[in-house]
Every structure is written in C-alpha cells, then in structure tokens.
C-alpha cells in the first residue's frame, strides 16, 4: 500500500475513535431512556440479553460470509454507518403513538445485526489496513483518544 494512503488510514482510525467514544457514551444511556419511556424491568433486561443473543447467533454466519467475500471493507464500514444512523430513529420514539419502550427495544435489537457484522470483520480489516510495524503506535493512539473522551476512566 502506498505510504500516503497508509498515513491517511492511520489518521482516520485515530479520529474515528473520538466519534466512537461519543457514540459509546450516548449508548450507555439507552436503559435510562427506556425507563423514561415507561419500560418495564423485563424490557430493560431484554435490552441487554437480547443484544447478546443476537450477537451470539449472528457473528459466526457473518464471519463465514466475510470469509467468502472479496470486498469486505464496504460491508464492514456500511454496517458501522447503519448502526450509527439507526440510532437516530430513537429520537422519534416519543412522538410515536404508544408502545414507546417496546419500539425502542425493537429498534435496538435490530441494530445489533449490523453490530454482529461489524464485530466479525473489524479486527481482520485492521490487520489489512495497518502495517505490522505501525500497529502498536496506532492502537496506543486510539486508546489515548478513547481515555481522553471518557474522562480518563478505563471502560473495561
């Protein structure tokens, strides 16, 4: 890969972590938003367990799909874009008539399908994009960016 392209990709990977940290911060309030919309304990627990179930069921088939696909990058980046844009639908929920918390749960569970695709392909994509000799520096820069956005706290 051309050096200029590699440098640009590495810069974008670090900048992307800034937006990922903001997105992660917003997503952490999903349960509180669902409670505010009238969600029951069952719906709150389905928010967590349903997402894990969808990821467990969909990640292996998506990994097999990506293994057979020559152009994986558009699928992986498209799944990330779909995930983020899909969260905009949550803004409209209070103006819909009835079933607010249930609609939110349905939207969030459906958005876990692109999460499974993204998860299956992200690390292999990074291995293709980042040269081996630059990986430590890129990952440390991404972690520093994440820590600064989250107030210095570790999210693990």
C-alpha atoms as a PDB file:
ATOM      1  CA  UNK A   1       0.000   0.000   0.000  1.00  0.00           C
ATOM      2  CA  UNK A   2       1.208   3.500  -0.784  1.00  0.00           C
ATOM      3  CA  UNK A   3       2.735   5.355   2.189  1.00  0.00           C
ATOM      4  CA  UNK A   4       0.412   8.348   1.795  1.00  0.00           C
ATOM      5  CA  UNK A   5      -2.660   6.122   1.860  1.00  0.00           C
ATOM      6  CA  UNK A   6      -1.397   4.257   4.920  1.00  0.00           C
ATOM      7  CA  UNK A   7      -0.785   7.530   6.771  1.00  0.00           C
ATOM      8  CA  UNK A   8      -4.267   8.774   5.891  1.00  0.00           C
ATOM      9  CA  UNK A   9      -5.866   5.496   7.025  1.00  0.00           C
ATOM     10  CA  UNK A  10      -3.981   5.576  10.328  1.00  0.00           C
ATOM     11  CA  UNK A  11      -5.036   9.168  10.960  1.00  0.00           C
ATOM     12  CA  UNK A  12      -8.680   8.312  10.246  1.00  0.00           C
ATOM     13  CA  UNK A  13      -8.535   5.315  12.585  1.00  0.00           C
ATOM     14  CA  UNK A  14      -7.473   7.557  15.462  1.00  0.00           C
ATOM     15  CA  UNK A  15     -10.048  10.252  14.607  1.00  0.00           C
ATOM     16  CA  UNK A  16     -12.744   7.558  14.376  1.00  0.00           C
ATOM     17  CA  UNK A  17     -12.065   6.585  17.994  1.00  0.00           C
ATOM     18  CA  UNK A  18     -13.117  10.082  19.074  1.00  0.00           C
ATOM     19  CA  UNK A  19     -16.544   9.620  17.462  1.00  0.00           C
ATOM     20  CA  UNK A  20     -16.785   6.045  18.723  1.00  0.00           C
ATOM     21  CA  UNK A  21     -16.225   7.279  22.278  1.00  0.00           C
ATOM     22  CA  UNK A  22     -19.012   9.852  21.945  1.00  0.00           C
ATOM     23  CA  UNK A  23     -21.333   7.204  20.495  1.00  0.00           C
ATOM     24  CA  UNK A  24     -20.484   4.786  23.312  1.00  0.00           C
ATOM     25  CA  UNK A  25     -21.253   7.480  25.869  1.00  0.00           C
ATOM     26  CA  UNK A  26     -24.652   8.090  24.307  1.00  0.00           C
ATOM     27  CA  UNK A  27     -25.478   4.377  24.111  1.00  0.00           C
ATOM     28  CA  UNK A  28     -24.775   3.991  27.817  1.00  0.00           C
ATOM     29  CA  UNK A  29     -27.988   5.947  28.479  1.00  0.00           C
ATOM     30  CA  UNK A  30     -30.244   3.584  26.492  1.00  0.00           C
ATOM     31  CA  UNK A  31     -31.579   1.878  29.616  1.00  0.00           C
ATOM     32  CA  UNK A  32     -32.319   5.204  31.299  1.00  0.00           C
ATOM     33  CA  UNK A  33     -34.077   6.413  28.148  1.00  0.00           C
ATOM     34  CA  UNK A  34     -36.140   3.224  28.041  1.00  0.00           C
ATOM     35  CA  UNK A  35     -37.155   3.655  31.694  1.00  0.00           C
ATOM     36  CA  UNK A  36     -38.169   7.238  30.940  1.00  0.00           C
ATOM     37  CA  UNK A  37     -40.317   5.909  28.075  1.00  0.00           C
ATOM     38  CA  UNK A  38     -42.084   3.578  30.527  1.00  0.00           C
ATOM     39  CA  UNK A  39     -40.034   0.425  30.005  1.00  0.00           C
ATOM     40  CA  UNK A  40     -40.588  -2.418  32.446  1.00  0.00           C
ATOM     41  CA  UNK A  41     -37.908  -4.496  34.165  1.00  0.00           C
ATOM     42  CA  UNK A  42     -38.482  -7.184  31.538  1.00  0.00           C
ATOM     43  CA  UNK A  43     -37.833  -4.768  28.671  1.00  0.00           C
ATOM     44  CA  UNK A  44     -34.695  -3.434  30.341  1.00  0.00           C
ATOM     45  CA  UNK A  45     -33.357  -6.956  30.803  1.00  0.00           C
ATOM     46  CA  UNK A  46     -34.250  -7.840  27.183  1.00  0.00           C
ATOM     47  CA  UNK A  47     -32.275  -4.802  26.084  1.00  0.00           C
ATOM     48  CA  UNK A  48     -29.111  -6.433  27.397  1.00  0.00           C
ATOM     49  CA  UNK A  49     -29.778 -10.129  26.980  1.00  0.00           C
ATOM     50  CA  UNK A  50     -31.447  -9.780  23.576  1.00  0.00           C
ATOM     51  CA  UNK A  51     -28.449  -7.918  22.188  1.00  0.00           C
ATOM     52  CA  UNK A  52     -26.088 -10.612  23.449  1.00  0.00           C
ATOM     53  CA  UNK A  53     -28.265 -13.350  21.953  1.00  0.00           C
ATOM     54  CA  UNK A  54     -28.416 -11.670  18.540  1.00  0.00           C
ATOM     55  CA  UNK A  55     -24.649 -11.198  18.528  1.00  0.00           C
ATOM     56  CA  UNK A  56     -24.066 -14.801  19.568  1.00  0.00           C
ATOM     57  CA  UNK A  57     -26.320 -16.123  16.807  1.00  0.00           C
ATOM     58  CA  UNK A  58     -25.241 -13.787  14.007  1.00  0.00           C
ATOM     59  CA  UNK A  59     -21.474 -13.381  14.439  1.00  0.00           C
ATOM     60  CA  UNK A  60     -20.456 -16.829  13.140  1.00  0.00           C
ATOM     61  CA  UNK A  61     -22.581 -16.685   9.969  1.00  0.00           C
ATOM     62  CA  UNK A  62     -21.331 -13.156   9.285  1.00  0.00           C
ATOM     63  CA  UNK A  63     -17.738 -14.267   9.800  1.00  0.00           C
ATOM     64  CA  UNK A  64     -18.285 -17.065   7.261  1.00  0.00           C
ATOM     65  CA  UNK A  65     -19.856 -14.571   4.842  1.00  0.00           C
ATOM     66  CA  UNK A  66     -16.939 -12.166   5.189  1.00  0.00           C
ATOM     67  CA  UNK A  67     -14.500 -15.008   4.667  1.00  0.00           C
ATOM     68  CA  UNK A  68     -16.097 -15.752   1.280  1.00  0.00           C
ATOM     69  CA  UNK A  69     -16.430 -12.079   0.256  1.00  0.00           C
ATOM     70  CA  UNK A  70     -13.659 -10.411  -1.725  1.00  0.00           C
ATOM     71  CA  UNK A  71     -14.708  -6.817  -0.921  1.00  0.00           C
ATOM     72  CA  UNK A  72     -15.249  -6.883   2.851  1.00  0.00           C
ATOM     73  CA  UNK A  73     -14.433  -3.263   3.600  1.00  0.00           C
ATOM     74  CA  UNK A  74     -17.712  -1.765   2.245  1.00  0.00           C
ATOM     75  CA  UNK A  75     -19.733  -4.287   4.271  1.00  0.00           C
ATOM     76  CA  UNK A  76     -17.868  -3.537   7.486  1.00  0.00           C
ATOM     77  CA  UNK A  77     -17.937   0.235   7.113  1.00  0.00           C
ATOM     78  CA  UNK A  78     -21.546   0.127   5.909  1.00  0.00           C
ATOM     79  CA  UNK A  79     -22.579  -1.873   8.969  1.00  0.00           C
ATOM     80  CA  UNK A  80     -20.965   0.730  11.230  1.00  0.00           C
ATOM     81  CA  UNK A  81     -22.739   3.553   9.382  1.00  0.00           C
ATOM     82  CA  UNK A  82     -26.070   1.701   9.554  1.00  0.00           C
ATOM     83  CA  UNK A  83     -25.621   1.164  13.286  1.00  0.00           C
ATOM     84  CA  UNK A  84     -24.937   4.823  13.969  1.00  0.00           C
ATOM     85  CA  UNK A  85     -27.606   6.173  11.656  1.00  0.00           C
ATOM     86  CA  UNK A  86     -30.110   3.680  13.025  1.00  0.00           C
ATOM     87  CA  UNK A  87     -29.804   5.245  16.447  1.00  0.00           C
ATOM     88  CA  UNK A  88     -31.301   8.427  15.025  1.00  0.00           C
ATOM     89  CA  UNK A  89     -34.623   6.568  14.919  1.00  0.00           C
ATOM     90  CA  UNK A  90     -34.609   6.653  18.731  1.00  0.00           C
ATOM     91  CA  UNK A  91     -35.144  10.406  18.589  1.00  0.00           C
ATOM     92  CA  UNK A  92     -38.601   9.989  17.030  1.00  0.00           C
ATOM     93  CA  UNK A  93     -39.916   7.426  19.515  1.00  0.00           C
ATOM     94  CA  UNK A  94     -41.544   9.865  21.989  1.00  0.00           C
ATOM     95  CA  UNK A  95     -43.661  11.321  19.166  1.00  0.00           C
ATOM     96  CA  UNK A  96     -44.990   7.946  18.052  1.00  0.00           C
ATOM     97  CA  UNK A  97     -48.320   6.856  19.482  1.00  0.00           C
ATOM     98  CA  UNK A  98     -47.972   4.188  22.161  1.00  0.00           C
ATOM     99  CA  UNK A  99     -45.574   1.306  22.646  1.00  0.00           C
ATOM    100  CA  UNK A 100     -42.609   3.646  23.115  1.00  0.00           C
ATOM    101  CA  UNK A 101     -40.390   1.349  25.140  1.00  0.00           C
ATOM    102  CA  UNK A 102     -41.265  -1.660  23.007  1.00  0.00           C
ATOM    103  CA  UNK A 103     -40.414   0.236  19.804  1.00  0.00           C
ATOM    104  CA  UNK A 104     -37.112   1.283  21.308  1.00  0.00           C
ATOM    105  CA  UNK A 105     -36.317  -2.314  22.207  1.00  0.00           C
ATOM    106  CA  UNK A 106     -37.192  -3.490  18.700  1.00  0.00           C
ATOM    107  CA  UNK A 107     -35.023  -0.820  17.055  1.00  0.00           C
ATOM    108  CA  UNK A 108     -32.057  -1.556  19.318  1.00  0.00           C
ATOM    109  CA  UNK A 109     -32.334  -5.308  18.847  1.00  0.00           C
ATOM    110  CA  UNK A 110     -32.478  -4.888  15.061  1.00  0.00           C
ATOM    111  CA  UNK A 111     -29.421  -2.638  15.217  1.00  0.00           C
ATOM    112  CA  UNK A 112     -27.478  -5.500  16.775  1.00  0.00           C
ATOM    113  CA  UNK A 113     -27.492  -7.261  13.403  1.00  0.00           C
ATOM    114  CA  UNK A 114     -25.056  -4.728  11.871  1.00  0.00           C
ATOM    115  CA  UNK A 115     -23.091  -4.862  15.142  1.00  0.00           C
ATOM    116  CA  UNK A 116     -22.529  -8.583  14.601  1.00  0.00           C
ATOM    117  CA  UNK A 117     -21.334  -7.969  11.046  1.00  0.00           C
ATOM    118  CA  UNK A 118     -19.023  -5.176  12.154  1.00  0.00           C
ATOM    119  CA  UNK A 119     -17.630  -7.232  15.025  1.00  0.00           C
ATOM    120  CA  UNK A 120     -16.897 -10.192  12.770  1.00  0.00           C
ATOM    121  CA  UNK A 121     -14.915  -8.102  10.319  1.00  0.00           C
ATOM    122  CA  UNK A 122     -13.315  -5.214  12.186  1.00  0.00           C
ATOM    123  CA  UNK A 123     -10.155  -6.840  13.537  1.00  0.00           C
ATOM    124  CA  UNK A 124      -9.315  -8.648  10.283  1.00  0.00           C
ATOM    125  CA  UNK A 125      -9.847  -5.339   8.462  1.00  0.00           C
ATOM    126  CA  UNK A 126      -7.435  -3.606  10.827  1.00  0.00           C
ATOM    127  CA  UNK A 127      -4.867  -6.294  10.096  1.00  0.00           C
ATOM    128  CA  UNK A 128      -5.170  -5.469   6.392  1.00  0.00           C
ATOM    129  CA  UNK A 129      -5.063  -1.693   6.815  1.00  0.00           C
ATOM    130  CA  UNK A 130      -2.365  -1.215   9.462  1.00  0.00           C
ATOM    131  CA  UNK A 131       1.165  -2.396   8.654  1.00  0.00           C
ATOM    132  CA  UNK A 132       2.579  -4.641  11.364  1.00  0.00           C
ATOM    133  CA  UNK A 133       5.334  -2.205  12.348  1.00  0.00           C
ATOM    134  CA  UNK A 134       2.754   0.583  12.964  1.00  0.00           C
ATOM    135  CA  UNK A 135       0.079  -1.340  14.904  1.00  0.00           C
ATOM    136  CA  UNK A 136       1.381  -0.649  18.411  1.00  0.00           C
ATOM    137  CA  UNK A 137       1.501   3.088  17.800  1.00  0.00           C
ATOM    138  CA  UNK A 138      -1.941   3.219  16.175  1.00  0.00           C
ATOM    139  CA  UNK A 139      -3.611   1.185  18.932  1.00  0.00           C
ATOM    140  CA  UNK A 140      -1.950   3.249  21.659  1.00  0.00           C
ATOM    141  CA  UNK A 141      -3.115   6.469  19.947  1.00  0.00           C
ATOM    142  CA  UNK A 142      -6.646   5.085  19.681  1.00  0.00           C
ATOM    143  CA  UNK A 143      -6.618   4.108  23.378  1.00  0.00           C
ATOM    144  CA  UNK A 144      -5.336   7.538  24.404  1.00  0.00           C
ATOM    145  CA  UNK A 145      -8.114   9.169  22.372  1.00  0.00           C
ATOM    146  CA  UNK A 146     -10.718   6.904  23.973  1.00  0.00           C
ATOM    147  CA  UNK A 147      -9.431   7.575  27.503  1.00  0.00           C
ATOM    148  CA  UNK A 148      -9.451  11.341  26.970  1.00  0.00           C
ATOM    149  CA  UNK A 149     -13.035  11.305  25.721  1.00  0.00           C
ATOM    150  CA  UNK A 150     -14.227   9.182  28.613  1.00  0.00           C
ATOM    151  CA  UNK A 151     -12.699  11.414  31.252  1.00  0.00           C
ATOM    152  CA  UNK A 152      -9.612   9.238  31.658  1.00  0.00           C
ATOM    153  CA  UNK A 153     -11.553   6.297  33.036  1.00  0.00           C
ATOM    154  CA  UNK A 154     -10.986   2.832  31.706  1.00  0.00           C
ATOM    155  CA  UNK A 155     -14.126   1.379  30.124  1.00  0.00           C
ATOM    156  CA  UNK A 156     -13.274  -2.280  30.717  1.00  0.00           C
END
